[in-house]
Amino acid sequence: MPKDLTQIRKLGTCRINFGGRDMGYTAGGVTVRITTEFVDIMVDEFGNVPVQAADVGVSIECIVPLAQPTLENYADAFPVASNVPADRLTFGRKVGQYVVPQRLVLDPVNESDGFVVYRAACLEVGELGFNNEGIRILECHFRGMVDDTRQEGDYLFRIFGGMS
């Protein structure tokens, strides 16, 4: 049974760039969740006590509460939407189509460590609504995907120090 070790990093205010496009302001701070899963290696001689653990993967999720829900931001947040005609998004298509992951850069303005996720897609949207100050929030949950064109050990994301 896989076990996981989850690290949550609260980045605060960030500049967000997705697919080369500035996604505007955020409200409520940006959070990154990194999960490393392990499977216990068991042998009969020691019963239910593991003798070793093996890494079975790392995943990254970035929670980005956008304060400027433009049509472009909605299109990025809902990869199942169609943007035809160009002045609206429409929903309802046949299932089984692939999302198009893009580069996601989270660059904190407070000089803490930032993140580059080489291939990410928004695969979940939290509640869409207004906060107490009347700001419409579009909470995007980006998930990282493997980029196997990169070198071994650098397939998913990197953390960079300070402002990039």
Protein backbone atom coordinates (compact mmCIF):
# COMPACT_ATOMS: atom_id res chain seq x y z
CA MET A 1 0.00 0.00 0.00
CA PRO A 2 1.58 3.31 -1.07
CA LYS A 3 2.21 5.86 1.64
CA ASP A 4 2.78 9.51 0.91
CA LEU A 5 4.81 12.35 2.28
CA THR A 6 3.17 15.67 1.50
CA GLN A 7 4.82 19.06 1.74
CA ILE A 8 2.71 22.19 1.47
CA ARG A 9 4.38 25.50 0.64
CA LYS A 10 2.44 28.72 0.98
CA LEU A 11 4.00 31.14 -1.47
CA GLY A 12 1.79 34.15 -0.83
CA THR A 13 1.59 36.79 -3.53
CA CYS A 14 3.01 35.56 -6.84
CA ARG A 15 3.35 36.57 -10.42
CA ILE A 16 1.71 33.76 -12.40
CA ASN A 17 2.69 32.92 -15.95
CA PHE A 18 0.96 30.09 -17.79
CA GLY A 19 1.90 29.19 -21.33
CA GLY A 20 3.86 32.45 -21.65
CA ARG A 21 0.89 34.60 -20.57
CA ASP A 22 0.66 36.73 -17.42
CA MET A 23 -2.48 35.61 -15.59
CA GLY A 24 -2.90 38.82 -13.58
CA TYR A 25 -3.41 39.33 -9.87
CA THR A 26 -4.07 36.68 -7.24
CA ALA A 27 -6.12 37.00 -4.06
CA GLY A 28 -5.54 34.89 -0.96
CA GLY A 29 -2.06 33.60 -1.70
CA VAL A 30 -0.74 30.77 -3.86
CA THR A 31 -0.14 27.28 -2.42
CA VAL A 32 1.96 24.41 -3.76
CA ARG A 33 1.44 20.80 -2.64
CA ILE A 34 4.25 18.33 -3.39
CA THR A 35 3.47 14.69 -2.67
CA THR A 36 6.01 11.88 -2.77
CA GLU A 37 4.53 8.39 -2.67
CA PHE A 38 6.33 5.37 -1.31
CA VAL A 39 5.43 1.69 -1.24
CA ASP A 40 6.57 -0.44 1.69
CA ILE A 41 8.69 -3.48 0.86
CA MET A 42 7.69 -6.41 3.05
CA VAL A 43 9.09 -9.88 3.57
CA ASP A 44 7.37 -12.79 5.28
CA GLU A 45 10.07 -13.12 7.93
CA PHE A 46 9.18 -9.74 9.50
CA GLY A 47 5.41 -9.76 9.02
CA ASN A 48 3.87 -6.30 8.63
CA VAL A 49 7.08 -4.40 9.39
CA PRO A 50 8.66 -2.93 6.26
CA VAL A 51 12.29 -3.70 5.53
CA GLN A 52 12.56 -0.96 2.90
CA ALA A 53 10.50 1.65 1.05
CA ALA A 54 10.55 2.44 -2.65
CA ASP A 55 9.73 5.76 -4.27
CA VAL A 56 6.78 5.37 -6.68
CA GLY A 57 6.49 8.98 -7.82
CA VAL A 58 6.27 12.66 -7.01
CA SER A 59 3.33 14.87 -7.88
CA ILE A 60 2.84 18.62 -7.72
CA GLU A 61 -0.37 20.63 -7.45
CA CYS A 62 -0.46 24.43 -7.50
CA ILE A 63 -3.53 26.21 -6.14
CA VAL A 64 -3.78 29.65 -7.72
CA PRO A 65 -6.68 31.95 -6.74
CA LEU A 66 -6.92 34.36 -9.67
CA ALA A 67 -8.47 37.75 -8.97
CA GLN A 68 -8.84 38.65 -12.65
CA PRO A 69 -11.09 36.05 -14.26
CA THR A 70 -10.66 37.20 -17.85
CA LEU A 71 -11.93 35.12 -20.73
CA GLU A 72 -8.35 33.90 -21.30
CA ASN A 73 -8.05 32.84 -17.65
CA TYR A 74 -11.38 31.02 -17.84
CA ALA A 75 -10.16 29.22 -20.97
CA ASP A 76 -7.00 28.08 -19.14
CA ALA A 77 -9.02 27.04 -16.09
CA PHE A 78 -11.50 25.00 -18.12
CA PRO A 79 -9.52 22.98 -20.69
CA VAL A 80 -12.76 21.21 -21.67
CA ALA A 81 -14.29 24.47 -22.94
CA SER A 82 -14.34 25.64 -26.53
CA ASN A 83 -13.44 29.24 -27.36
CA VAL A 84 -15.45 29.51 -30.59
CA PRO A 85 -16.62 32.14 -31.26
CA ALA A 86 -13.71 34.03 -29.67
CA ASP A 87 -15.88 36.21 -27.40
CA ARG A 88 -17.22 33.33 -25.25
CA LEU A 89 -16.53 29.88 -23.83
CA THR A 90 -18.91 27.03 -24.50
CA PHE A 91 -19.09 23.71 -22.69
CA GLY A 92 -20.24 20.22 -23.57
CA ARG A 93 -18.10 18.04 -25.81
CA LYS A 94 -17.40 14.36 -26.26
CA VAL A 95 -15.14 12.88 -23.62
CA GLY A 96 -11.68 11.44 -24.18
CA GLN A 97 -9.94 14.49 -25.59
CA TYR A 98 -6.52 15.35 -24.19
CA VAL A 99 -5.70 18.55 -22.33
CA VAL A 100 -2.76 20.63 -23.56
CA PRO A 101 -0.29 21.12 -20.70
CA GLN A 102 1.81 24.28 -20.69
CA ARG A 103 4.67 25.78 -18.68
CA LEU A 104 3.56 27.26 -15.33
CA VAL A 105 5.79 29.73 -13.47
CA LEU A 106 4.97 30.83 -9.92
CA ASP A 107 7.26 33.75 -9.06
CA PRO A 108 6.67 35.03 -5.49
CA VAL A 109 7.03 38.78 -5.03
CA ASN A 110 8.33 38.31 -1.47
CA GLU A 111 11.63 36.82 -2.72
CA SER A 112 10.80 33.32 -1.41
CA ASP A 113 11.51 30.32 -3.60
CA GLY A 114 9.48 30.05 -6.80
CA PHE A 115 8.43 27.12 -8.97
CA VAL A 116 8.53 26.22 -12.65
CA VAL A 117 6.29 23.31 -13.60
CA TYR A 118 7.37 22.25 -17.09
CA ARG A 119 3.98 20.88 -18.16
CA ALA A 120 0.88 21.75 -16.15
CA ALA A 121 -2.84 21.89 -16.74
CA CYS A 122 -5.72 23.18 -14.66
CA LEU A 123 -7.63 19.97 -13.98
CA GLU A 124 -9.84 21.28 -11.20
CA VAL A 125 -11.47 24.59 -10.36
CA GLY A 126 -12.47 25.38 -6.79
CA GLU A 127 -15.60 27.34 -6.10
CA LEU A 128 -16.05 30.33 -8.34
CA GLY A 129 -17.36 33.29 -6.40
CA PHE A 130 -16.77 36.60 -4.72
CA ASN A 131 -14.76 37.12 -1.55
CA ASN A 132 -15.80 39.54 1.21
CA GLU A 133 -14.24 42.47 -0.62
CA GLY A 134 -16.29 41.84 -3.78
CA ILE A 135 -13.41 40.33 -5.77
CA ARG A 136 -14.39 37.48 -8.07
CA ILE A 137 -11.99 34.59 -7.42
CA LEU A 138 -11.22 31.85 -9.95
CA GLU A 139 -9.40 29.16 -7.97
CA CYS A 140 -7.30 27.12 -10.40
CA HIS A 141 -5.78 23.80 -9.33
CA PHE A 142 -2.88 23.13 -11.70
CA ARG A 143 -1.38 19.64 -11.78
CA GLY A 144 2.11 18.91 -13.09
CA MET A 145 2.69 16.29 -15.78
CA VAL A 146 5.91 14.59 -16.84
CA ASP A 147 8.02 16.16 -19.57
CA ASP A 148 10.13 13.23 -20.74
CA THR A 149 12.01 15.41 -23.21
CA ARG A 150 14.02 16.79 -20.28
CA GLN A 151 16.99 15.07 -18.65
CA GLU A 152 16.59 12.33 -16.04
CA GLY A 153 15.80 13.76 -12.61
CA ASP A 154 14.29 16.96 -14.06
CA TYR A 155 11.06 15.71 -15.65
CA LEU A 156 8.45 17.50 -13.53
CA PHE A 157 9.38 20.83 -11.89
CA ARG A 158 12.13 22.89 -10.34
CA ILE A 159 12.35 25.27 -7.42
CA PHE A 160 14.32 28.46 -7.94
CA GLY A 161 15.64 30.81 -5.28
CA GLY A 162 14.52 34.39 -4.83
CA MET A 163 13.07 36.45 -7.64
CA SER A 164 13.73 35.00 -11.11
